Amino acid sequence: MHHFTHPTFVVDISHVYDSKLELLKIHDSQFSKTAEDFGLIPLGVSDYLFGLESRDRFFGSLIGVHHGEALVSDTPVKLATATQILSIFT
């Protein structure tokens, strides 16, 4: 569970989202088991990928794209120059 109310940055990952899911599916042994298989209270570990996509769609909706990756910083982000911020968004 995330313990923040607003991300510091959201990066558009729509163009690489299918690749992200394919890479996660390589680790099927981590995501196909149920919570009970891990000895945990059954809250739906097998629904991890569904939850991940829901989360990524939500973050994407905050910036008007299909999928977003939220980044959070508890401290100010140091930039060497004012133009460095532009490189984050291009």
N, C-alpha and C. Protein backbone atom coordinates (compact mmCIF):
# COMPACT_ATOMS: atom_id res chain seq x y z
N MET A 1 0.84 -1.18 0.00
CA MET A 1 0.00 0.00 0.00
C MET A 1 0.88 1.24 0.00
N HIS A 2 0.44 2.24 -0.74
CA HIS A 2 1.20 3.49 -0.82
C HIS A 2 0.77 4.41 0.32
N HIS A 3 1.73 5.10 0.88
CA HIS A 3 1.46 6.00 2.00
C HIS A 3 1.70 7.45 1.59
N PHE A 4 1.19 7.84 0.43
CA PHE A 4 1.28 9.23 0.01
C PHE A 4 -0.03 9.62 -0.63
N THR A 5 -0.31 10.90 -0.61
CA THR A 5 -1.57 11.36 -1.20
C THR A 5 -1.38 11.91 -2.60
N HIS A 6 -0.21 12.46 -2.87
CA HIS A 6 0.06 13.03 -4.18
C HIS A 6 1.49 12.68 -4.61
N PRO A 7 1.64 12.18 -5.83
CA PRO A 7 3.01 11.93 -6.31
C PRO A 7 3.73 13.25 -6.57
N THR A 8 5.05 13.22 -6.45
CA THR A 8 5.85 14.39 -6.76
C THR A 8 5.93 14.58 -8.27
N PHE A 9 6.14 13.48 -9.00
CA PHE A 9 6.18 13.46 -10.46
C PHE A 9 5.39 12.26 -10.94
N VAL A 10 4.81 12.37 -12.13
CA VAL A 10 4.24 11.21 -12.80
C VAL A 10 4.83 11.19 -14.20
N VAL A 11 5.46 10.07 -14.55
CA VAL A 11 6.11 9.92 -15.85
C VAL A 11 5.18 9.12 -16.76
N ASP A 12 4.98 9.59 -17.99
CA ASP A 12 4.17 8.87 -18.97
C ASP A 12 4.93 7.62 -19.40
N ILE A 13 4.38 6.45 -19.08
CA ILE A 13 5.00 5.18 -19.47
C ILE A 13 4.12 4.43 -20.46
N SER A 14 3.14 5.12 -21.05
CA SER A 14 2.19 4.48 -21.95
C SER A 14 2.87 3.74 -23.09
N HIS A 15 3.91 4.33 -23.64
CA HIS A 15 4.58 3.74 -24.81
C HIS A 15 5.39 2.49 -24.47
N VAL A 16 5.67 2.25 -23.20
CA VAL A 16 6.43 1.06 -22.81
C VAL A 16 5.64 0.15 -21.88
N TYR A 17 4.35 0.42 -21.71
CA TYR A 17 3.58 -0.32 -20.72
C TYR A 17 3.45 -1.80 -21.03
N ASP A 18 3.22 -2.13 -22.30
CA ASP A 18 3.12 -3.56 -22.66
C ASP A 18 4.42 -4.29 -22.33
N SER A 19 5.54 -3.64 -22.57
CA SER A 19 6.84 -4.25 -22.24
C SER A 19 6.98 -4.45 -20.73
N LYS A 20 6.51 -3.48 -19.96
CA LYS A 20 6.57 -3.59 -18.50
C LYS A 20 5.79 -4.83 -18.03
N LEU A 21 4.58 -5.00 -18.56
CA LEU A 21 3.77 -6.16 -18.17
C LEU A 21 4.42 -7.47 -18.60
N GLU A 22 4.98 -7.50 -19.81
CA GLU A 22 5.64 -8.72 -20.29
C GLU A 22 6.82 -9.08 -19.41
N LEU A 23 7.59 -8.09 -19.00
CA LEU A 23 8.74 -8.35 -18.13
C LEU A 23 8.28 -8.88 -16.77
N LEU A 24 7.20 -8.33 -16.25
CA LEU A 24 6.69 -8.83 -14.97
C LEU A 24 6.17 -10.25 -15.09
N LYS A 25 5.58 -10.58 -16.24
CA LYS A 25 5.04 -11.93 -16.44
C LYS A 25 6.15 -12.98 -16.52
N ILE A 26 7.37 -12.55 -16.82
CA ILE A 26 8.51 -13.48 -16.81
C ILE A 26 8.68 -14.05 -15.40
N HIS A 27 8.34 -13.27 -14.41
CA HIS A 27 8.47 -13.68 -13.01
C HIS A 27 7.15 -14.27 -12.52
N ASP A 28 6.58 -15.14 -13.32
CA ASP A 28 5.28 -15.75 -13.03
C ASP A 28 5.22 -16.37 -11.64
N SER A 29 6.32 -16.96 -11.20
CA SER A 29 6.32 -17.62 -9.89
C SER A 29 6.06 -16.61 -8.77
N GLN A 30 6.37 -15.36 -9.01
CA GLN A 30 6.15 -14.34 -7.99
C GLN A 30 4.72 -13.82 -7.98
N PHE A 31 4.04 -13.88 -9.13
CA PHE A 31 2.75 -13.24 -9.25
C PHE A 31 1.58 -14.20 -9.44
N SER A 32 1.85 -15.47 -9.71
CA SER A 32 0.75 -16.40 -9.96
C SER A 32 0.26 -17.08 -8.69
N LYS A 33 1.04 -17.07 -7.64
CA LYS A 33 0.63 -17.71 -6.40
C LYS A 33 -0.45 -16.87 -5.70
N THR A 34 -1.26 -17.56 -4.94
CA THR A 34 -2.24 -16.85 -4.13
C THR A 34 -1.59 -16.46 -2.80
N ALA A 35 -2.27 -15.62 -2.07
CA ALA A 35 -1.76 -15.22 -0.76
C ALA A 35 -1.56 -16.43 0.14
N GLU A 36 -2.49 -17.38 0.08
CA GLU A 36 -2.38 -18.57 0.91
C GLU A 36 -1.13 -19.38 0.57
N ASP A 37 -0.75 -19.39 -0.73
CA ASP A 37 0.48 -20.08 -1.13
C ASP A 37 1.71 -19.47 -0.46
N PHE A 38 1.63 -18.18 -0.17
CA PHE A 38 2.74 -17.50 0.50
C PHE A 38 2.59 -17.54 2.02
N GLY A 39 1.50 -18.14 2.50
CA GLY A 39 1.27 -18.19 3.94
C GLY A 39 0.76 -16.87 4.50
N LEU A 40 0.10 -16.09 3.66
CA LEU A 40 -0.40 -14.78 4.08
C LEU A 40 -1.92 -14.79 4.15
N ILE A 41 -2.45 -13.78 4.76
CA ILE A 41 -3.91 -13.61 4.77
C ILE A 41 -4.34 -13.40 3.32
N PRO A 42 -5.33 -14.15 2.85
CA PRO A 42 -5.71 -14.09 1.43
C PRO A 42 -6.37 -12.77 1.03
N LEU A 43 -5.57 -11.84 0.58
CA LEU A 43 -6.08 -10.56 0.10
C LEU A 43 -5.91 -10.41 -1.40
N GLY A 44 -5.52 -11.46 -2.11
CA GLY A 44 -5.47 -11.41 -3.55
C GLY A 44 -4.12 -11.11 -4.16
N VAL A 45 -3.08 -11.78 -3.69
CA VAL A 45 -1.78 -11.60 -4.31
C VAL A 45 -1.84 -11.94 -5.79
N SER A 46 -2.70 -12.91 -6.14
CA SER A 46 -2.81 -13.28 -7.55
C SER A 46 -3.40 -12.15 -8.39
N ASP A 47 -3.99 -11.17 -7.74
CA ASP A 47 -4.52 -10.00 -8.43
C ASP A 47 -3.49 -8.87 -8.51
N TYR A 48 -2.25 -9.18 -8.25
CA TYR A 48 -1.21 -8.13 -8.23
C TYR A 48 -1.14 -7.37 -9.54
N LEU A 49 -1.11 -8.09 -10.66
CA LEU A 49 -0.98 -7.41 -11.95
C LEU A 49 -2.20 -6.55 -12.25
N PHE A 50 -3.38 -7.00 -11.87
CA PHE A 50 -4.59 -6.20 -12.03
C PHE A 50 -4.49 -4.92 -11.22
N GLY A 51 -4.05 -5.06 -9.97
CA GLY A 51 -3.88 -3.89 -9.11
C GLY A 51 -2.83 -2.94 -9.64
N LEU A 52 -1.74 -3.49 -10.16
CA LEU A 52 -0.67 -2.68 -10.73
C LEU A 52 -1.18 -1.87 -11.91
N GLU A 53 -1.92 -2.53 -12.81
CA GLU A 53 -2.44 -1.81 -13.97
C GLU A 53 -3.46 -0.75 -13.54
N SER A 54 -4.28 -1.06 -12.57
CA SER A 54 -5.25 -0.07 -12.07
C SER A 54 -4.52 1.14 -11.52
N ARG A 55 -3.47 0.90 -10.74
CA ARG A 55 -2.68 1.98 -10.17
C ARG A 55 -2.02 2.82 -11.25
N ASP A 56 -1.42 2.14 -12.23
CA ASP A 56 -0.73 2.85 -13.30
C ASP A 56 -1.70 3.65 -14.17
N ARG A 57 -2.91 3.13 -14.37
CA ARG A 57 -3.93 3.88 -15.11
C ARG A 57 -4.37 5.11 -14.31
N PHE A 58 -4.51 4.95 -13.00
CA PHE A 58 -4.87 6.09 -12.17
C PHE A 58 -3.82 7.19 -12.26
N PHE A 59 -2.55 6.81 -12.08
CA PHE A 59 -1.50 7.82 -12.15
C PHE A 59 -1.44 8.45 -13.54
N GLY A 60 -1.65 7.65 -14.57
CA GLY A 60 -1.70 8.21 -15.92
C GLY A 60 -2.82 9.21 -16.08
N SER A 61 -3.97 8.92 -15.47
CA SER A 61 -5.11 9.83 -15.58
C SER A 61 -4.81 11.19 -14.96
N LEU A 62 -3.91 11.23 -13.99
CA LEU A 62 -3.55 12.51 -13.36
C LEU A 62 -2.84 13.45 -14.33
N ILE A 63 -2.19 12.86 -15.36
CA ILE A 63 -1.46 13.70 -16.32
C ILE A 63 -2.04 13.58 -17.73
N GLY A 64 -3.20 12.94 -17.85
CA GLY A 64 -3.89 12.87 -19.13
C GLY A 64 -3.33 11.87 -20.12
N VAL A 65 -2.75 10.76 -19.62
CA VAL A 65 -2.22 9.70 -20.49
C VAL A 65 -2.78 8.36 -20.01
N HIS A 66 -2.49 7.29 -20.76
CA HIS A 66 -3.04 5.98 -20.41
C HIS A 66 -2.40 5.37 -19.16
N HIS A 67 -1.07 5.43 -19.04
CA HIS A 67 -0.37 4.81 -17.91
C HIS A 67 0.72 5.76 -17.39
N GLY A 68 0.84 5.84 -16.09
CA GLY A 68 1.86 6.69 -15.50
C GLY A 68 2.57 5.97 -14.37
N GLU A 69 3.82 6.33 -14.18
CA GLU A 69 4.63 5.81 -13.07
C GLU A 69 4.84 6.96 -12.10
N ALA A 70 4.34 6.80 -10.88
CA ALA A 70 4.43 7.86 -9.89
C ALA A 70 5.77 7.81 -9.18
N LEU A 71 6.35 8.95 -8.98
CA LEU A 71 7.60 9.09 -8.24
C LEU A 71 7.33 10.03 -7.07
N VAL A 72 7.85 9.68 -5.93
CA VAL A 72 7.60 10.45 -4.72
C VAL A 72 8.93 10.83 -4.10
N SER A 73 9.02 12.06 -3.66
CA SER A 73 10.22 12.52 -2.97
C SER A 73 9.81 13.19 -1.67
N ASP A 74 10.40 12.75 -0.57
CA ASP A 74 10.13 13.37 0.73
C ASP A 74 10.94 14.65 0.91
N THR A 75 11.94 14.80 0.07
CA THR A 75 12.80 15.98 0.17
C THR A 75 12.83 16.69 -1.18
N PRO A 76 13.26 17.91 -1.22
CA PRO A 76 13.34 18.62 -2.51
C PRO A 76 14.26 17.89 -3.48
N VAL A 77 13.90 17.94 -4.75
CA VAL A 77 14.71 17.33 -5.80
C VAL A 77 15.73 18.36 -6.26
N LYS A 78 17.02 18.00 -6.17
CA LYS A 78 18.10 18.92 -6.54
C LYS A 78 18.27 18.94 -8.05
N LEU A 79 18.28 20.12 -8.62
CA LEU A 79 18.54 20.31 -10.04
C LEU A 79 19.76 21.20 -10.19
N ALA A 80 20.65 20.82 -11.08
CA ALA A 80 21.86 21.61 -11.30
C ALA A 80 21.55 22.92 -12.01
N THR A 81 20.58 22.88 -12.92
CA THR A 81 20.18 24.07 -13.67
C THR A 81 18.66 24.07 -13.83
N ALA A 82 18.11 25.22 -14.14
CA ALA A 82 16.68 25.32 -14.37
C ALA A 82 16.26 24.51 -15.61
N THR A 83 17.15 24.40 -16.58
CA THR A 83 16.80 23.65 -17.79
C THR A 83 16.79 22.14 -17.56
N GLN A 84 17.37 21.69 -16.47
CA GLN A 84 17.37 20.25 -16.17
C GLN A 84 15.95 19.75 -15.96
N ILE A 85 15.07 20.58 -15.43
CA ILE A 85 13.69 20.17 -15.23
C ILE A 85 13.02 19.87 -16.56
N LEU A 86 13.40 20.59 -17.62
CA LEU A 86 12.82 20.36 -18.93
C LEU A 86 13.20 18.99 -19.47
N SER A 87 14.40 18.50 -19.15
CA SER A 87 14.81 17.19 -19.62
C SER A 87 13.99 16.07 -19.00
N ILE A 88 13.40 16.32 -17.86
CA ILE A 88 12.54 15.34 -17.21
C ILE A 88 11.26 15.13 -18.03
N PHE A 89 10.79 16.19 -18.65
CA PHE A 89 9.50 16.15 -19.33
C PHE A 89 9.61 15.94 -20.83
N THR A 90 10.81 15.80 -21.36
CA THR A 90 10.95 15.58 -22.81
C THR A 90 11.52 14.22 -23.10
